[in-house]
Amino acid sequence: MNTKSTMSRTPMTMFFPDDLIIEIITLLPVKPLLRFKCVSNSWNTLISNPTFVKLHLKKSKTSPNQKFTLITNHLKPLEGDYSFDSDWSMVPYPISRLLDNPSATFIVDSYYLLDKEYSIAGSCNGLICLVGHNFTNMYSEYQEYWLQLWNPATRKISQKIGYFRELHSYVFNFGWDDSADTFKVVASRYVHDGHTSEVRVFTIGKNVWRNIENLPVVPLGLELRGKRIDKGYEHGCVVSNTTINWLAIHKDVSFNWSYDVKDMTIEDLVIVSLDLGMETYKCYRLPPIELPHEEPIIGVLEECLCLCYSYKRTDIVIWQMKKFGVENSWIQFLKISYHNLQLDYHLSFLPLFLSKDGDTLVLCSSHNEEAILYNQRDNSMQRIEVKVHKTIIDDETHNSLCLTMAQDYVESLISIC
């Protein structure tokens, strides 16, 4: 027998260092990783390890397969009256798909349907914070609130937490406290009697609401936004890194932009920022611009705070604070003619995402009337007409895509417990 020939046919056993295996599998999506947990006890232990979970999250945030959370309101008229059956859907949607095909149509997975009693406080590190709310009875002005944490990637949802009952409406935001390595929910409301605002903080894990210092200035329209919890999105407030930020005014809170703007200067506007770790506030001046005729809005683009407004009703203008908290780091990021894009000058546009090559910008008007892809290189635009249907048949449901509620979403293995 030819020993040499026999040896040449013997399969070689390959061994990979543990560090290399970890480096490879942290690049995988959540779904196959959940399957790999069933391979062996050692793989289950590895993939469940908090250090591995954090490393996977870090890799996911820089992945080319970044996603939005597309929110759609599904309204179906009920027979015999003027009311509607209403619910939401929340769909993780690849940004690359939106850029390639801004007119896609698809049917939502029933798993992603949300009841009308829920709104969305925000998305952070792969978790969605849902806010449940209803009136205690049909004759009461008191509302009950509760929270649930949802990880769409692992298809896990928490028990109801954070119950409280109040007479006045609250606006909710969800963020990350890096100093304590935990999530926090912030609830704010306008207090009519005191012409001020009240802020509560709920730390996930401690399960107690705490009142913190009132906002030093009242955000624009807070007294109105708290009455619109079903809308889900409040463009007067954005989460950036570990802060929550409002556009506010050093004026009477009943200020009406349509009628009282003549009595203002740009110095009357500030961005007030709540640090989720310290739970303290700072105020930042806006860039040195003329006061807009239309109410400006704030947003986040590439982890930078943005100020967006209509300039003399001829152009869309976007400024970026390139270094957070540094007032002299404001730069004019973009100026686009309404006329060239054939858009209504009454619309204020919010930037949602910039493509990796820096050419294409996703923009949406503050009330969802228009959503576009704008190419800076050739000054062209395409309207976004993505449609998310609740059912495969036409059942008279009106499906309204709310791109203003779109947020960066990243798949993660983070536990909801």
Protein backbone atom coordinates (compact mmCIF):
# COMPACT_ATOMS: atom_id res chain seq x y z
CA MET A 1 0.00 0.00 0.00
CA ASN A 2 1.22 3.43 -0.88
CA THR A 3 1.42 5.22 2.44
CA LYS A 4 2.27 8.51 0.80
CA SER A 5 -0.84 8.33 -1.39
CA THR A 6 -3.03 7.49 1.60
CA MET A 7 -1.69 10.40 3.61
CA SER A 8 -2.31 12.82 0.77
CA ARG A 9 -6.01 11.94 0.85
CA THR A 10 -6.35 12.44 4.59
CA PRO A 11 -8.36 15.66 5.26
CA MET A 12 -6.53 18.32 7.19
CA THR A 13 -8.06 19.66 10.38
CA MET A 14 -8.17 23.46 10.48
CA PHE A 15 -7.92 25.33 13.75
CA PHE A 16 -8.81 29.00 14.07
CA PRO A 17 -7.79 31.11 17.05
CA ASP A 18 -10.70 32.21 19.25
CA ASP A 19 -9.91 35.88 18.57
CA LEU A 20 -10.26 35.32 14.82
CA ILE A 21 -13.57 33.46 15.24
CA ILE A 22 -14.93 36.32 17.36
CA GLU A 23 -13.74 38.88 14.82
CA ILE A 24 -15.55 37.02 12.03
CA ILE A 25 -18.89 36.34 13.71
CA THR A 26 -19.27 39.86 15.12
CA LEU A 27 -19.75 40.92 11.50
CA LEU A 28 -22.84 38.70 11.12
CA PRO A 29 -26.48 39.85 11.42
CA VAL A 30 -28.46 38.99 14.53
CA LYS A 31 -30.59 36.24 12.98
CA PRO A 32 -27.75 33.77 12.19
CA LEU A 33 -26.09 34.55 15.53
CA LEU A 34 -29.25 33.48 17.34
CA ARG A 35 -29.12 30.22 15.41
CA PHE A 36 -25.45 29.71 16.26
CA LYS A 37 -26.32 29.86 19.97
CA CYS A 38 -27.88 26.42 19.47
CA VAL A 39 -24.66 24.90 18.11
CA SER A 40 -23.11 24.24 21.52
CA ASN A 41 -22.99 25.51 25.08
CA SER A 42 -19.69 27.27 24.38
CA TRP A 43 -21.16 29.17 21.40
CA ASN A 44 -24.24 30.07 23.43
CA THR A 45 -22.01 31.39 26.21
CA LEU A 46 -19.86 33.36 23.75
CA ILE A 47 -22.73 35.03 21.88
CA SER A 48 -24.57 35.82 25.14
CA ASN A 49 -21.49 37.39 26.72
CA PRO A 50 -21.99 41.14 27.36
CA THR A 51 -18.53 41.90 25.93
CA PHE A 52 -19.43 40.11 22.70
CA VAL A 53 -22.82 41.88 22.57
CA LYS A 54 -21.12 45.30 22.87
CA LEU A 55 -18.51 44.41 20.23
CA HIS A 56 -21.23 43.24 17.83
CA LEU A 57 -23.16 46.47 18.41
CA LYS A 58 -20.07 48.55 17.68
CA LYS A 59 -19.51 46.67 14.41
CA SER A 60 -23.18 46.98 13.45
CA LYS A 61 -23.11 50.76 13.83
CA THR A 62 -20.46 51.01 11.10
CA SER A 63 -22.03 48.36 8.87
CA PRO A 64 -22.93 49.31 5.27
CA ASN A 65 -26.33 47.70 5.91
CA GLN A 66 -27.58 50.54 8.10
CA LYS A 67 -31.32 50.84 8.50
CA PHE A 68 -34.13 53.29 9.15
CA THR A 69 -37.17 52.58 11.24
CA LEU A 70 -39.99 53.30 8.81
CA ILE A 71 -43.19 54.23 10.64
CA THR A 72 -46.53 53.98 8.85
CA ASN A 73 -49.93 55.04 10.18
CA HIS A 74 -52.71 52.74 8.97
CA LEU A 75 -56.17 54.34 9.07
CA LYS A 76 -59.33 52.49 8.05
CA PRO A 77 -62.74 54.24 8.17
CA LEU A 78 -65.36 52.48 10.28
CA GLU A 79 -68.86 51.99 8.97
CA GLY A 80 -71.67 54.15 10.32
CA ASP A 81 -69.63 56.99 11.84
CA TYR A 82 -66.67 59.27 11.20
CA SER A 83 -64.13 57.40 13.30
CA PHE A 84 -61.19 55.29 12.19
CA ASP A 85 -59.57 52.03 13.12
CA SER A 86 -55.95 53.08 13.58
CA ASP A 87 -52.67 51.31 14.13
CA TRP A 88 -48.97 51.66 13.33
CA SER A 89 -46.29 49.57 11.73
CA MET A 90 -42.58 49.83 12.52
CA VAL A 91 -40.31 48.36 9.83
CA PRO A 92 -36.49 48.18 9.87
CA TYR A 93 -35.65 49.22 6.31
CA PRO A 94 -32.18 49.21 4.70
CA ILE A 95 -31.07 52.71 3.70
CA SER A 96 -29.31 51.26 0.65
CA ARG A 97 -32.69 49.97 -0.55
CA LEU A 98 -34.25 53.40 -0.14
CA LEU A 99 -31.43 55.03 -2.11
CA ASP A 100 -31.67 52.45 -4.92
CA ASN A 101 -35.46 52.40 -5.16
CA PRO A 102 -37.30 55.35 -3.59
CA SER A 103 -40.66 54.14 -4.97
CA ALA A 104 -40.83 50.63 -3.50
CA THR A 105 -44.10 49.07 -2.31
CA PHE A 106 -44.33 46.19 0.15
CA ILE A 107 -46.61 44.49 2.67
CA VAL A 108 -45.64 44.86 6.31
CA ASP A 109 -44.92 41.76 8.38
CA SER A 110 -47.76 41.44 10.92
CA TYR A 111 -45.12 41.12 13.66
CA TYR A 112 -44.26 44.81 13.21
CA LEU A 113 -47.83 46.09 13.67
CA LEU A 114 -48.38 48.28 16.75
CA ASP A 115 -51.71 49.02 18.38
CA LYS A 116 -53.00 52.60 18.30
CA GLU A 117 -52.49 52.91 22.06
CA TYR A 118 -48.72 52.93 21.50
CA SER A 119 -46.36 55.64 20.34
CA ILE A 120 -42.59 55.47 19.87
CA ALA A 121 -40.29 57.34 22.25
CA GLY A 122 -37.17 56.54 20.24
CA SER A 123 -34.63 53.99 19.03
CA CYS A 124 -31.24 53.44 20.66
CA ASN A 125 -28.63 50.66 20.36
CA GLY A 126 -31.10 48.30 18.71
CA LEU A 127 -33.94 48.80 21.19
CA ILE A 128 -37.22 50.59 20.48
CA CYS A 129 -38.93 52.27 23.43
CA LEU A 130 -42.72 52.03 23.15
CA VAL A 131 -45.01 54.30 25.17
CA GLY A 132 -48.46 52.93 25.95
CA HIS A 133 -51.18 55.38 26.86
CA ASN A 134 -54.93 55.53 27.36
CA PHE A 135 -57.50 57.47 29.35
CA THR A 136 -58.56 55.92 32.64
CA ASN A 137 -62.18 56.05 31.44
CA MET A 138 -64.15 57.79 28.72
CA TYR A 139 -65.12 60.68 31.03
CA SER A 140 -61.73 61.26 32.61
CA GLU A 141 -59.00 63.68 31.59
CA TYR A 142 -56.40 61.55 33.36
CA GLN A 143 -54.08 59.45 31.22
CA GLU A 144 -52.26 56.28 32.15
CA TYR A 145 -48.77 55.73 30.75
CA TRP A 146 -46.45 52.73 30.64
CA LEU A 147 -43.29 51.70 28.80
CA GLN A 148 -42.10 48.60 26.97
CA LEU A 149 -38.67 47.89 25.47
CA TRP A 150 -38.66 46.03 22.18
CA ASN A 151 -35.78 44.45 20.28
CA PRO A 152 -37.14 43.78 16.75
CA ALA A 153 -34.02 41.81 15.74
CA THR A 154 -34.32 39.25 18.53
CA ARG A 155 -38.13 39.55 18.55
CA LYS A 156 -38.18 40.11 22.31
CA ILE A 157 -40.38 42.60 24.14
CA SER A 158 -40.33 43.48 27.83
CA GLN A 159 -43.15 43.46 30.33
CA LYS A 160 -44.91 46.77 30.92
CA ILE A 161 -42.84 49.03 33.17
CA GLY A 162 -42.90 52.62 34.39
CA TYR A 163 -46.63 53.00 35.02
CA PHE A 164 -47.91 56.41 36.06
CA ARG A 165 -51.16 58.36 35.86
CA GLU A 166 -51.41 62.10 35.23
CA LEU A 167 -53.87 64.80 34.23
CA HIS A 168 -51.59 66.42 31.66
CA SER A 169 -50.03 65.01 28.51
CA TYR A 170 -46.33 64.18 28.27
CA VAL A 171 -43.83 63.93 25.43
CA PHE A 172 -41.37 61.02 25.70
CA ASN A 173 -37.79 60.57 24.50
CA PHE A 174 -35.41 57.61 24.77
CA GLY A 175 -31.63 57.72 25.02
CA TRP A 176 -28.43 56.26 26.43
CA ASP A 177 -26.56 57.31 29.56
CA ASP A 178 -22.97 56.38 28.73
CA SER A 179 -21.67 57.22 32.21
CA ALA A 180 -23.99 54.69 33.89
CA ASP A 181 -24.09 52.25 30.96
CA THR A 182 -27.90 52.28 30.88
CA PHE A 183 -30.97 53.49 28.99
CA LYS A 184 -33.12 56.38 30.16
CA VAL A 185 -36.56 57.66 29.23
CA VAL A 186 -37.32 61.38 29.57
CA ALA A 187 -40.92 62.61 29.90
CA SER A 188 -41.57 66.36 29.55
CA ARG A 189 -44.70 68.48 29.69
CA TYR A 190 -45.79 72.10 29.77
CA VAL A 191 -47.17 73.30 33.11
CA HIS A 192 -49.81 75.93 32.33
CA ASP A 193 -50.19 77.30 35.83
CA GLY A 194 -46.49 77.97 36.24
CA HIS A 195 -45.72 78.86 32.59
CA THR A 196 -42.84 76.42 32.80
CA SER A 197 -42.03 72.79 32.02
CA GLU A 198 -41.75 69.64 34.08
CA VAL A 199 -39.26 66.87 33.33
CA ARG A 200 -39.19 63.32 34.65
CA VAL A 201 -36.52 60.66 34.12
CA PHE A 202 -36.96 56.88 34.20
CA THR A 203 -33.78 54.79 34.44
CA ILE A 204 -34.22 51.35 32.93
CA GLY A 205 -33.47 48.79 35.64
CA LYS A 206 -34.32 51.02 38.59
CA ASN A 207 -37.99 51.30 37.57
CA VAL A 208 -38.66 54.59 39.34
CA TRP A 209 -39.68 57.93 37.82
CA ARG A 210 -37.77 60.90 39.25
CA ASN A 211 -38.54 64.59 38.82
CA ILE A 212 -35.45 66.57 37.81
CA GLU A 213 -34.86 70.30 37.42
CA ASN A 214 -37.33 72.05 35.11
CA LEU A 215 -36.12 73.14 31.70
CA PRO A 216 -34.55 76.62 31.99
CA VAL A 217 -36.53 77.79 28.95
CA VAL A 218 -39.73 76.38 27.46
CA PRO A 219 -39.28 74.57 24.14
CA LEU A 220 -41.20 75.90 21.16
CA GLY A 221 -44.72 74.52 21.10
CA LEU A 222 -44.29 72.14 24.05
CA GLU A 223 -47.77 73.03 25.32
CA LEU A 224 -49.20 71.85 21.99
CA ARG A 225 -46.97 68.86 21.34
CA GLY A 226 -47.94 67.16 24.57
CA LYS A 227 -51.51 66.94 23.25
CA ARG A 228 -50.40 65.05 20.12
CA ILE A 229 -48.94 61.88 21.55
CA ASP A 230 -50.57 59.80 18.80
CA LYS A 231 -48.41 61.55 16.23
CA GLY A 232 -45.32 59.87 17.63
CA TYR A 233 -42.81 62.42 16.40
CA GLU A 234 -41.91 65.78 17.91
CA HIS A 235 -39.61 67.73 15.63
CA GLY A 236 -38.88 70.22 18.40
CA CYS A 237 -36.74 67.65 20.20
CA VAL A 238 -33.93 65.36 19.01
CA VAL A 239 -31.56 62.87 20.64
CA SER A 240 -27.87 63.29 19.85
CA ASN A 241 -25.31 60.94 21.40
CA THR A 242 -26.08 61.08 25.13
CA THR A 243 -28.12 64.30 25.11
CA ILE A 244 -31.71 65.35 24.42
CA ASN A 245 -32.07 68.71 22.70
CA TRP A 246 -34.96 71.14 22.25
CA LEU A 247 -35.30 74.33 20.22
CA ALA A 248 -36.53 76.94 22.70
CA ILE A 249 -37.30 80.64 22.92
CA HIS A 250 -36.67 83.41 25.45
CA LYS A 251 -40.22 84.65 25.09
CA ASP A 252 -43.68 84.08 26.48
CA VAL A 253 -44.63 80.44 25.82
CA SER A 254 -47.83 81.51 24.05
CA PHE A 255 -45.63 82.98 21.31
CA ASN A 256 -47.13 82.41 17.86
CA TRP A 257 -44.57 82.28 15.06
CA SER A 258 -47.08 83.39 12.43
CA TYR A 259 -47.97 86.63 14.21
CA ASP A 260 -45.23 87.50 16.70
CA VAL A 261 -42.06 86.89 14.68
CA LYS A 262 -41.68 90.63 13.97
CA ASP A 263 -40.84 91.16 17.64
CA MET A 264 -38.00 88.63 17.63
CA THR A 265 -34.33 88.36 16.80
CA ILE A 266 -32.26 85.22 16.28
CA GLU A 267 -30.76 85.79 19.74
CA ASP A 268 -34.15 84.94 21.24
CA LEU A 269 -33.77 81.34 20.07
CA VAL A 270 -31.55 78.76 21.79
CA ILE A 271 -30.97 75.03 21.79
CA VAL A 272 -31.40 73.70 25.32
CA SER A 273 -29.62 70.39 25.89
CA LEU A 274 -30.17 67.81 28.65
CA ASP A 275 -27.13 65.68 29.48
CA LEU A 276 -28.51 62.21 30.29
CA GLY A 277 -25.58 61.38 32.55
CA MET A 278 -25.39 64.54 34.65
CA GLU A 279 -29.12 65.32 34.22
CA THR A 280 -28.23 69.00 33.85
CA TYR A 281 -28.95 71.54 31.12
CA LYS A 282 -26.89 73.77 28.87
CA CYS A 283 -28.09 76.36 26.35
CA TYR A 284 -26.41 76.98 23.00
CA ARG A 285 -26.77 79.90 20.63
CA LEU A 286 -27.79 79.40 17.03
CA PRO A 287 -25.59 80.43 14.09
CA PRO A 288 -25.52 84.16 13.19
CA ILE A 289 -28.35 84.18 10.62
CA GLU A 290 -31.39 86.27 9.80
CA LEU A 291 -34.49 85.19 11.67
CA PRO A 292 -36.46 82.86 9.33
CA HIS A 293 -40.00 83.75 8.26
CA GLU A 294 -41.10 80.18 8.93
CA GLU A 295 -40.50 78.32 12.20
CA PRO A 296 -37.13 76.50 12.05
CA ILE A 297 -36.62 72.90 13.16
CA ILE A 298 -33.69 70.94 14.53
CA GLY A 299 -32.44 67.51 13.55
CA VAL A 300 -29.38 65.25 13.61
CA LEU A 301 -27.21 64.42 10.60
CA GLU A 302 -24.02 62.35 10.89
CA GLU A 303 -24.24 62.70 14.70
CA CYS A 304 -24.22 66.51 14.36
CA LEU A 305 -27.01 68.80 15.51
CA CYS A 306 -28.64 70.62 12.59
CA LEU A 307 -30.72 73.75 12.24
CA CYS A 308 -33.07 73.66 9.25
CA TYR A 309 -35.22 76.51 7.93
CA SER A 310 -36.66 78.28 4.92
CA TYR A 311 -34.54 81.28 3.89
CA LYS A 312 -36.73 84.14 2.59
CA ARG A 313 -39.02 81.46 1.16
CA THR A 314 -36.56 80.88 -1.67
CA ASP A 315 -34.12 78.30 -0.29
CA ILE A 316 -33.80 75.37 2.08
CA VAL A 317 -30.88 76.06 4.42
CA ILE A 318 -29.23 73.55 6.76
CA TRP A 319 -26.54 74.40 9.31
CA GLN A 320 -24.51 71.81 11.23
CA MET A 321 -22.87 72.13 14.65
CA LYS A 322 -19.73 70.18 13.74
CA LYS A 323 -18.53 69.89 17.34
CA PHE A 324 -21.31 69.40 19.82
CA GLY A 325 -21.62 72.21 22.35
CA VAL A 326 -19.12 74.49 20.56
CA GLU A 327 -21.10 77.48 19.32
CA ASN A 328 -18.45 78.68 16.86
CA SER A 329 -18.42 75.27 15.14
CA TRP A 330 -21.66 76.00 13.25
CA ILE A 331 -21.17 75.75 9.46
CA GLN A 332 -23.64 76.16 6.63
CA PHE A 333 -23.97 72.63 5.32
CA LEU A 334 -26.43 73.10 2.47
CA LYS A 335 -28.50 75.68 0.61
CA ILE A 336 -31.01 74.46 -1.99
CA SER A 337 -33.40 76.48 -4.15
CA TYR A 338 -37.09 75.61 -3.78
CA HIS A 339 -37.59 76.72 -7.37
CA ASN A 340 -35.00 74.37 -8.81
CA LEU A 341 -36.50 71.45 -6.91
CA GLN A 342 -40.09 72.50 -7.64
CA LEU A 343 -41.00 72.36 -3.98
CA ASP A 344 -43.40 74.42 -1.87
CA TYR A 345 -41.53 77.15 0.02
CA HIS A 346 -43.87 76.76 3.00
CA LEU A 347 -42.29 73.40 3.81
CA SER A 348 -39.42 73.08 6.27
CA PHE A 349 -37.17 70.13 5.45
CA LEU A 350 -35.39 67.86 7.87
CA PRO A 351 -32.21 65.97 6.85
CA LEU A 352 -32.43 62.27 7.72
CA PHE A 353 -29.41 60.62 6.14
CA LEU A 354 -26.36 61.34 3.98
CA SER A 355 -25.00 58.60 1.72
CA LYS A 356 -21.44 57.38 2.33
CA ASP A 357 -20.16 59.11 -0.83
CA GLY A 358 -21.64 62.38 0.46
CA ASP A 359 -23.64 62.93 -2.73
CA THR A 360 -27.18 61.94 -1.80
CA LEU A 361 -29.21 63.42 1.04
CA VAL A 362 -32.55 62.10 2.31
CA LEU A 363 -34.81 65.04 3.19
CA CYS A 364 -38.34 65.07 4.57
CA SER A 365 -40.71 67.96 5.25
CA SER A 366 -41.62 68.43 8.89
CA HIS A 367 -45.21 67.24 8.40
CA ASN A 368 -44.54 64.48 5.86
CA GLU A 369 -45.99 66.33 2.87
CA GLU A 370 -42.83 65.68 0.84
CA ALA A 371 -39.83 63.37 1.06
CA ILE A 372 -36.99 63.50 -1.45
CA LEU A 373 -33.55 62.23 -2.38
CA TYR A 374 -31.37 65.22 -3.22
CA ASN A 375 -28.14 64.74 -5.16
CA GLN A 376 -25.67 67.51 -4.34
CA ARG A 377 -23.40 66.72 -7.26
CA ASP A 378 -25.90 67.48 -10.03
CA ASN A 379 -28.51 69.41 -7.98
CA SER A 380 -31.23 66.88 -8.86
CA MET A 381 -34.00 65.31 -6.79
CA GLN A 382 -36.25 62.26 -6.72
CA ARG A 383 -39.45 62.05 -4.71
CA ILE A 384 -39.59 59.24 -2.16
CA GLU A 385 -42.81 57.30 -2.57
CA VAL A 386 -42.19 54.14 -0.55
CA LYS A 387 -45.52 52.55 0.37
CA VAL A 388 -46.05 50.17 3.27
CA HIS A 389 -49.39 48.36 3.08
CA LYS A 390 -50.98 46.60 6.02
CA THR A 391 -52.64 43.92 3.88
CA ILE A 392 -52.12 42.44 0.42
CA ILE A 393 -55.62 43.49 -0.67
CA ASP A 394 -57.08 46.99 -0.91
CA ASP A 395 -59.35 47.22 2.15
CA GLU A 396 -59.75 51.04 2.06
CA THR A 397 -56.96 51.49 4.59
CA HIS A 398 -55.10 54.77 4.20
CA ASN A 399 -51.39 54.03 4.69
CA SER A 400 -49.45 57.17 5.61
CA LEU A 401 -45.66 56.83 5.75
CA CYS A 402 -44.17 59.06 8.45
CA LEU A 403 -40.58 59.61 7.36
CA THR A 404 -40.16 62.38 9.93
CA MET A 405 -40.24 59.60 12.52
CA ALA A 406 -37.49 57.66 10.71
CA GLN A 407 -34.50 57.13 12.94
CA ASP A 408 -31.18 55.38 12.62
CA TYR A 409 -31.75 51.80 13.58
CA VAL A 410 -29.08 49.19 14.19
CA GLU A 411 -29.60 45.48 14.82
CA SER A 412 -28.24 44.35 18.16
CA LEU A 413 -28.25 41.49 20.64
CA ILE A 414 -29.01 43.86 23.53
CA SER A 415 -31.34 42.27 26.06
CA ILE A 416 -34.67 43.91 26.89
CA CYS A 417 -34.37 42.83 30.54
